Amino acid sequence: MKPFDYYRDLPDVMRPTEVTAEFEAILSNPNFPCFPQEAAAVLGELSERQWNTYTLLDTGVRGAVESLLEKIWRDDDAVLAESLFAVAGRLGLPSFLSFVGQRRVAQMSSAVQAVVAECVAELQESIADPYSGLR
């Protein structure tokens, strides 16, 4: 995997095909993710670039990202939870809300419970269309 600085330093505005290629490269890398926080940071940078294209990411790639978000979710890490919700919101991943909703709330730390409540309330109406606020 490329160093985080590579993703942070990508241009803010990229062509959709360029962003898709970056997502596909990390998703096809068997060593990704090394650590959940690192994965969330890289996905955060790429999802921001994708959001700036004003188009939805390819359905297959979105599904793979969603699976990765579910894989790296931790019931005891509020910072990670916020990062994953941000990615899901930018990419339009409504099934991520369903995934989190099916988790046992009692197993989540109180900080994660608070993040979940706040993010679900904010995203539940618009997550399928990350551009709804621009219309």
N, C-alpha and C. Protein backbone atom coordinates (compact mmCIF):
# COMPACT_ATOMS: atom_id res chain seq x y z
N MET A 1 0.84 -1.18 0.00
CA MET A 1 0.00 0.00 0.00
C MET A 1 0.88 1.24 0.00
N LYS A 2 0.38 2.26 -0.64
CA LYS A 2 1.12 3.52 -0.68
C LYS A 2 1.02 4.20 0.69
N PRO A 3 1.98 5.05 1.00
CA PRO A 3 1.92 5.75 2.29
C PRO A 3 0.72 6.69 2.34
N PHE A 4 0.23 6.97 3.55
CA PHE A 4 -0.93 7.81 3.73
C PHE A 4 -0.75 9.18 3.06
N ASP A 5 0.46 9.73 3.12
CA ASP A 5 0.71 11.04 2.52
C ASP A 5 0.33 11.07 1.03
N TYR A 6 0.49 9.95 0.36
CA TYR A 6 0.12 9.88 -1.06
C TYR A 6 -1.36 10.22 -1.22
N TYR A 7 -2.21 9.62 -0.39
CA TYR A 7 -3.66 9.83 -0.50
C TYR A 7 -4.05 11.22 -0.03
N ARG A 8 -3.41 11.69 1.02
CA ARG A 8 -3.69 13.03 1.54
C ARG A 8 -3.32 14.10 0.51
N ASP A 9 -2.27 13.84 -0.27
CA ASP A 9 -1.78 14.84 -1.22
C ASP A 9 -2.41 14.74 -2.61
N LEU A 10 -3.35 13.81 -2.80
CA LEU A 10 -4.04 13.74 -4.09
C LEU A 10 -4.77 15.05 -4.33
N PRO A 11 -4.95 15.42 -5.59
CA PRO A 11 -5.71 16.66 -5.87
C PRO A 11 -7.12 16.56 -5.29
N ASP A 12 -7.64 17.68 -4.84
CA ASP A 12 -9.00 17.70 -4.29
C ASP A 12 -10.03 17.31 -5.34
N VAL A 13 -9.77 17.67 -6.58
CA VAL A 13 -10.70 17.36 -7.67
C VAL A 13 -9.99 16.42 -8.64
N MET A 14 -10.62 15.27 -8.84
CA MET A 14 -10.09 14.26 -9.75
C MET A 14 -11.23 13.77 -10.64
N ARG A 15 -10.88 13.15 -11.76
CA ARG A 15 -11.90 12.54 -12.60
C ARG A 15 -12.44 11.30 -11.90
N PRO A 16 -13.71 10.99 -12.10
CA PRO A 16 -14.28 9.79 -11.47
C PRO A 16 -13.47 8.51 -11.76
N THR A 17 -12.96 8.39 -12.98
CA THR A 17 -12.19 7.19 -13.32
C THR A 17 -10.90 7.11 -12.51
N GLU A 18 -10.30 8.26 -12.21
CA GLU A 18 -9.07 8.28 -11.42
C GLU A 18 -9.35 7.86 -9.98
N VAL A 19 -10.44 8.35 -9.42
CA VAL A 19 -10.78 8.00 -8.04
C VAL A 19 -11.14 6.52 -7.97
N THR A 20 -11.90 6.05 -8.94
CA THR A 20 -12.26 4.63 -8.97
C THR A 20 -11.02 3.77 -9.03
N ALA A 21 -10.06 4.15 -9.83
CA ALA A 21 -8.81 3.39 -9.94
C ALA A 21 -8.08 3.34 -8.60
N GLU A 22 -8.08 4.44 -7.86
CA GLU A 22 -7.44 4.46 -6.54
C GLU A 22 -8.16 3.53 -5.57
N PHE A 23 -9.50 3.57 -5.58
CA PHE A 23 -10.26 2.65 -4.73
C PHE A 23 -9.96 1.20 -5.11
N GLU A 24 -9.99 0.91 -6.38
CA GLU A 24 -9.75 -0.46 -6.84
C GLU A 24 -8.36 -0.94 -6.45
N ALA A 25 -7.38 -0.06 -6.50
CA ALA A 25 -6.01 -0.43 -6.15
C ALA A 25 -5.91 -0.84 -4.68
N ILE A 26 -6.54 -0.08 -3.80
CA ILE A 26 -6.43 -0.45 -2.38
C ILE A 26 -7.29 -1.68 -2.07
N LEU A 27 -8.44 -1.78 -2.72
CA LEU A 27 -9.33 -2.91 -2.45
C LEU A 27 -8.76 -4.23 -2.95
N SER A 28 -7.92 -4.17 -3.96
CA SER A 28 -7.33 -5.39 -4.51
C SER A 28 -6.02 -5.76 -3.81
N ASN A 29 -5.55 -4.89 -2.94
CA ASN A 29 -4.30 -5.14 -2.22
C ASN A 29 -4.57 -6.06 -1.03
N PRO A 30 -4.01 -7.27 -1.03
CA PRO A 30 -4.27 -8.21 0.08
C PRO A 30 -3.73 -7.73 1.43
N ASN A 31 -2.83 -6.76 1.42
CA ASN A 31 -2.28 -6.23 2.67
C ASN A 31 -3.07 -5.04 3.22
N PHE A 32 -4.13 -4.67 2.53
CA PHE A 32 -4.96 -3.55 2.99
C PHE A 32 -6.21 -4.14 3.63
N PRO A 33 -6.63 -3.75 4.76
CA PRO A 33 -6.04 -2.74 5.62
C PRO A 33 -5.08 -3.37 6.62
N CYS A 34 -4.06 -2.64 6.97
CA CYS A 34 -3.15 -3.10 8.02
C CYS A 34 -3.79 -2.84 9.38
N PHE A 35 -4.25 -1.64 9.58
CA PHE A 35 -4.86 -1.22 10.84
C PHE A 35 -6.15 -0.48 10.53
N PRO A 36 -7.20 -0.69 11.32
CA PRO A 36 -8.47 -0.03 11.03
C PRO A 36 -8.38 1.49 10.91
N GLN A 37 -7.62 2.15 11.79
CA GLN A 37 -7.51 3.61 11.72
C GLN A 37 -6.82 4.05 10.43
N GLU A 38 -5.80 3.32 10.02
CA GLU A 38 -5.11 3.65 8.77
C GLU A 38 -6.05 3.46 7.59
N ALA A 39 -6.78 2.37 7.57
CA ALA A 39 -7.73 2.11 6.49
C ALA A 39 -8.79 3.20 6.44
N ALA A 40 -9.32 3.58 7.59
CA ALA A 40 -10.34 4.62 7.65
C ALA A 40 -9.80 5.95 7.14
N ALA A 41 -8.55 6.26 7.45
CA ALA A 41 -7.95 7.52 6.99
C ALA A 41 -7.81 7.53 5.47
N VAL A 42 -7.33 6.42 4.91
CA VAL A 42 -7.18 6.33 3.45
C VAL A 42 -8.55 6.40 2.78
N LEU A 43 -9.51 5.63 3.30
CA LEU A 43 -10.85 5.65 2.73
C LEU A 43 -11.49 7.04 2.86
N GLY A 44 -11.18 7.72 3.95
CA GLY A 44 -11.68 9.08 4.13
C GLY A 44 -11.17 10.03 3.06
N GLU A 45 -9.88 9.94 2.78
CA GLU A 45 -9.30 10.80 1.75
C GLU A 45 -9.91 10.49 0.37
N LEU A 46 -10.00 9.21 0.06
CA LEU A 46 -10.55 8.83 -1.25
C LEU A 46 -12.03 9.15 -1.36
N SER A 47 -12.77 8.96 -0.28
CA SER A 47 -14.21 9.25 -0.35
C SER A 47 -14.45 10.75 -0.52
N GLU A 48 -13.58 11.56 0.05
CA GLU A 48 -13.70 13.00 -0.16
C GLU A 48 -13.46 13.36 -1.62
N ARG A 49 -12.44 12.74 -2.23
CA ARG A 49 -12.17 12.99 -3.65
C ARG A 49 -13.35 12.52 -4.50
N GLN A 50 -13.93 11.36 -4.12
CA GLN A 50 -15.09 10.85 -4.86
C GLN A 50 -16.27 11.80 -4.73
N TRP A 51 -16.53 12.28 -3.53
CA TRP A 51 -17.64 13.20 -3.32
C TRP A 51 -17.47 14.44 -4.20
N ASN A 52 -16.24 14.89 -4.34
CA ASN A 52 -15.97 16.08 -5.16
C ASN A 52 -16.19 15.85 -6.64
N THR A 53 -16.40 14.61 -7.07
CA THR A 53 -16.70 14.35 -8.49
C THR A 53 -18.17 14.60 -8.80
N TYR A 54 -19.00 14.69 -7.78
CA TYR A 54 -20.45 14.87 -7.92
C TYR A 54 -21.11 13.73 -8.69
N THR A 55 -20.52 12.55 -8.59
CA THR A 55 -21.10 11.34 -9.16
C THR A 55 -20.97 10.23 -8.13
N LEU A 56 -21.84 9.24 -8.24
CA LEU A 56 -21.73 8.09 -7.34
C LEU A 56 -20.64 7.16 -7.83
N LEU A 57 -19.94 6.60 -6.91
CA LEU A 57 -18.91 5.60 -7.21
C LEU A 57 -19.58 4.37 -7.79
N ASP A 58 -18.89 3.66 -8.66
CA ASP A 58 -19.37 2.43 -9.26
C ASP A 58 -19.99 1.52 -8.19
N THR A 59 -21.11 0.90 -8.51
CA THR A 59 -21.84 0.07 -7.55
C THR A 59 -20.99 -1.05 -6.97
N GLY A 60 -20.22 -1.73 -7.81
CA GLY A 60 -19.38 -2.82 -7.32
C GLY A 60 -18.31 -2.35 -6.37
N VAL A 61 -17.71 -1.22 -6.67
CA VAL A 61 -16.67 -0.66 -5.80
C VAL A 61 -17.31 -0.19 -4.50
N ARG A 62 -18.48 0.43 -4.59
CA ARG A 62 -19.18 0.87 -3.37
C ARG A 62 -19.48 -0.33 -2.47
N GLY A 63 -19.90 -1.44 -3.07
CA GLY A 63 -20.17 -2.64 -2.29
C GLY A 63 -18.93 -3.17 -1.60
N ALA A 64 -17.80 -3.13 -2.30
CA ALA A 64 -16.54 -3.59 -1.72
C ALA A 64 -16.10 -2.68 -0.58
N VAL A 65 -16.28 -1.38 -0.75
CA VAL A 65 -15.93 -0.44 0.32
C VAL A 65 -16.83 -0.68 1.52
N GLU A 66 -18.11 -0.88 1.26
CA GLU A 66 -19.05 -1.12 2.35
C GLU A 66 -18.66 -2.37 3.14
N SER A 67 -18.27 -3.43 2.44
CA SER A 67 -17.82 -4.65 3.11
C SER A 67 -16.58 -4.38 3.96
N LEU A 68 -15.70 -3.56 3.44
CA LEU A 68 -14.49 -3.22 4.18
C LEU A 68 -14.84 -2.41 5.44
N LEU A 69 -15.77 -1.47 5.32
CA LEU A 69 -16.19 -0.69 6.49
C LEU A 69 -16.73 -1.63 7.58
N GLU A 70 -17.52 -2.60 7.17
CA GLU A 70 -18.08 -3.55 8.13
C GLU A 70 -16.97 -4.39 8.76
N LYS A 71 -15.99 -4.74 7.97
CA LYS A 71 -14.89 -5.57 8.46
C LYS A 71 -14.05 -4.86 9.52
N ILE A 72 -13.84 -3.56 9.33
CA ILE A 72 -12.95 -2.84 10.26
C ILE A 72 -13.69 -2.15 11.40
N TRP A 73 -15.03 -2.22 11.40
CA TRP A 73 -15.82 -1.62 12.48
C TRP A 73 -15.39 -2.18 13.83
N ARG A 74 -15.34 -1.33 14.83
CA ARG A 74 -15.03 -1.74 16.20
C ARG A 74 -16.08 -1.12 17.12
N ASP A 75 -16.67 -1.94 17.96
CA ASP A 75 -17.71 -1.47 18.88
C ASP A 75 -17.16 -0.59 20.00
N ASP A 76 -15.84 -0.47 20.11
CA ASP A 76 -15.25 0.28 21.21
C ASP A 76 -14.39 1.46 20.76
N ASP A 77 -14.53 1.88 19.51
CA ASP A 77 -13.67 2.94 18.98
C ASP A 77 -14.52 4.04 18.34
N ALA A 78 -14.80 5.07 19.12
CA ALA A 78 -15.66 6.16 18.66
C ALA A 78 -15.03 6.97 17.53
N VAL A 79 -13.74 7.17 17.58
CA VAL A 79 -13.06 7.92 16.52
C VAL A 79 -13.17 7.16 15.20
N LEU A 80 -12.94 5.87 15.25
CA LEU A 80 -13.09 5.05 14.05
C LEU A 80 -14.53 5.08 13.56
N ALA A 81 -15.49 4.98 14.46
CA ALA A 81 -16.90 4.99 14.08
C ALA A 81 -17.23 6.27 13.32
N GLU A 82 -16.79 7.41 13.83
CA GLU A 82 -17.04 8.69 13.14
C GLU A 82 -16.43 8.69 11.75
N SER A 83 -15.22 8.19 11.63
CA SER A 83 -14.54 8.14 10.34
C SER A 83 -15.30 7.26 9.35
N LEU A 84 -15.78 6.11 9.81
CA LEU A 84 -16.49 5.19 8.93
C LEU A 84 -17.84 5.76 8.50
N PHE A 85 -18.53 6.43 9.41
CA PHE A 85 -19.78 7.09 9.03
C PHE A 85 -19.53 8.19 8.00
N ALA A 86 -18.44 8.91 8.12
CA ALA A 86 -18.12 9.96 7.15
C ALA A 86 -17.92 9.35 5.76
N VAL A 87 -17.20 8.25 5.69
CA VAL A 87 -16.99 7.57 4.41
C VAL A 87 -18.32 7.11 3.84
N ALA A 88 -19.13 6.46 4.67
CA ALA A 88 -20.44 5.96 4.22
C ALA A 88 -21.32 7.10 3.72
N GLY A 89 -21.28 8.23 4.41
CA GLY A 89 -22.09 9.38 4.00
C GLY A 89 -21.64 9.97 2.68
N ARG A 90 -20.33 10.08 2.49
CA ARG A 90 -19.81 10.66 1.24
C ARG A 90 -20.04 9.75 0.04
N LEU A 91 -20.01 8.43 0.28
CA LEU A 91 -20.14 7.48 -0.83
C LEU A 91 -21.58 7.02 -1.06
N GLY A 92 -22.48 7.37 -0.16
CA GLY A 92 -23.87 6.95 -0.31
C GLY A 92 -24.03 5.46 -0.06
N LEU A 93 -23.73 5.02 1.17
CA LEU A 93 -23.78 3.60 1.53
C LEU A 93 -24.85 3.34 2.58
N PRO A 94 -26.13 3.30 2.19
CA PRO A 94 -27.19 3.13 3.17
C PRO A 94 -27.14 1.79 3.91
N SER A 95 -26.60 0.76 3.30
CA SER A 95 -26.53 -0.53 3.98
C SER A 95 -25.60 -0.49 5.18
N PHE A 96 -24.68 0.48 5.21
CA PHE A 96 -23.81 0.60 6.37
C PHE A 96 -24.64 0.97 7.60
N LEU A 97 -25.65 1.82 7.42
CA LEU A 97 -26.52 2.16 8.55
C LEU A 97 -27.26 0.91 9.03
N SER A 98 -27.68 0.08 8.10
CA SER A 98 -28.36 -1.17 8.49
C SER A 98 -27.40 -2.07 9.26
N PHE A 99 -26.18 -2.19 8.78
CA PHE A 99 -25.17 -3.00 9.46
C PHE A 99 -24.99 -2.54 10.90
N VAL A 100 -24.81 -1.23 11.08
CA VAL A 100 -24.59 -0.70 12.42
C VAL A 100 -25.85 -0.89 13.26
N GLY A 101 -27.02 -0.72 12.65
CA GLY A 101 -28.27 -0.89 13.37
C GLY A 101 -28.50 -2.31 13.86
N GLN A 102 -27.88 -3.27 13.20
CA GLN A 102 -28.03 -4.67 13.60
C GLN A 102 -27.02 -5.09 14.67
N ARG A 103 -26.08 -4.22 14.97
CA ARG A 103 -25.09 -4.52 16.02
C ARG A 103 -25.80 -4.45 17.37
N ARG A 104 -25.27 -5.15 18.33
CA ARG A 104 -25.83 -5.12 19.67
C ARG A 104 -25.33 -3.86 20.37
N VAL A 105 -26.25 -2.97 20.63
CA VAL A 105 -25.91 -1.69 21.25
C VAL A 105 -25.23 -1.91 22.60
N ALA A 106 -25.66 -2.91 23.33
CA ALA A 106 -25.08 -3.16 24.65
C ALA A 106 -23.60 -3.50 24.58
N GLN A 107 -23.14 -3.99 23.43
CA GLN A 107 -21.72 -4.33 23.28
C GLN A 107 -20.87 -3.12 22.90
N MET A 108 -21.52 -2.04 22.50
CA MET A 108 -20.79 -0.84 22.10
C MET A 108 -20.42 -0.01 23.33
N SER A 109 -19.27 0.63 23.25
CA SER A 109 -18.92 1.56 24.32
C SER A 109 -19.91 2.72 24.30
N SER A 110 -20.01 3.42 25.40
CA SER A 110 -20.96 4.54 25.46
C SER A 110 -20.58 5.63 24.46
N ALA A 111 -19.29 5.82 24.22
CA ALA A 111 -18.87 6.82 23.24
C ALA A 111 -19.30 6.42 21.83
N VAL A 112 -19.18 5.14 21.50
CA VAL A 112 -19.62 4.66 20.18
C VAL A 112 -21.14 4.78 20.07
N GLN A 113 -21.85 4.45 21.13
CA GLN A 113 -23.31 4.59 21.12
C GLN A 113 -23.72 6.03 20.80
N ALA A 114 -23.01 6.98 21.37
CA ALA A 114 -23.32 8.39 21.12
C ALA A 114 -23.04 8.76 19.67
N VAL A 115 -21.92 8.27 19.13
CA VAL A 115 -21.59 8.55 17.72
C VAL A 115 -22.64 7.93 16.81
N VAL A 116 -23.02 6.70 17.10
CA VAL A 116 -24.03 6.02 16.28
C VAL A 116 -25.34 6.80 16.29
N ALA A 117 -25.80 7.19 17.46
CA ALA A 117 -27.06 7.93 17.56
C ALA A 117 -27.00 9.23 16.75
N GLU A 118 -25.90 9.96 16.90
CA GLU A 118 -25.76 11.24 16.19
C GLU A 118 -25.66 11.05 14.68
N CYS A 119 -24.85 10.10 14.24
CA CYS A 119 -24.65 9.90 12.81
C CYS A 119 -25.87 9.32 12.12
N VAL A 120 -26.54 8.39 12.78
CA VAL A 120 -27.75 7.82 12.20
C VAL A 120 -28.81 8.91 12.05
N ALA A 121 -28.99 9.73 13.06
CA ALA A 121 -29.96 10.82 13.00
C ALA A 121 -29.63 11.78 11.85
N GLU A 122 -28.36 12.04 11.66
CA GLU A 122 -27.93 12.98 10.62
C GLU A 122 -28.05 12.39 9.22
N LEU A 123 -27.73 11.10 9.09
CA LEU A 123 -27.62 10.51 7.76
C LEU A 123 -28.84 9.72 7.28
N GLN A 124 -29.69 9.27 8.16
CA GLN A 124 -30.72 8.32 7.76
C GLN A 124 -31.62 8.80 6.63
N GLU A 125 -31.88 10.07 6.55
CA GLU A 125 -32.77 10.59 5.50
C GLU A 125 -32.06 10.80 4.16
N SER A 126 -30.74 10.97 4.19
CA SER A 126 -30.07 11.40 2.96
C SER A 126 -28.90 10.52 2.53
N ILE A 127 -28.60 9.46 3.25
CA ILE A 127 -27.36 8.73 2.97
C ILE A 127 -27.35 8.13 1.56
N ALA A 128 -28.49 7.74 1.03
CA ALA A 128 -28.52 7.14 -0.31
C ALA A 128 -28.10 8.14 -1.39
N ASP A 129 -28.26 9.42 -1.10
CA ASP A 129 -27.88 10.47 -2.06
C ASP A 129 -26.98 11.48 -1.37
N PRO A 130 -25.67 11.27 -1.45
CA PRO A 130 -24.76 12.18 -0.75
C PRO A 130 -24.80 13.62 -1.25
N TYR A 131 -25.50 13.86 -2.34
CA TYR A 131 -25.57 15.21 -2.92
C TYR A 131 -26.92 15.87 -2.67
N SER A 132 -27.75 15.26 -1.85
CA SER A 132 -29.11 15.77 -1.63
C SER A 132 -29.11 17.19 -1.06
N GLY A 133 -28.15 17.54 -0.26
CA GLY A 133 -28.08 18.87 0.32
C GLY A 133 -27.70 19.95 -0.68
N LEU A 134 -27.26 19.54 -1.86
CA LEU A 134 -26.85 20.51 -2.88
C LEU A 134 -27.96 20.85 -3.84
N ARG A 135 -29.07 20.15 -3.71
CA ARG A 135 -30.19 20.37 -4.66
C ARG A 135 -31.17 21.36 -4.12
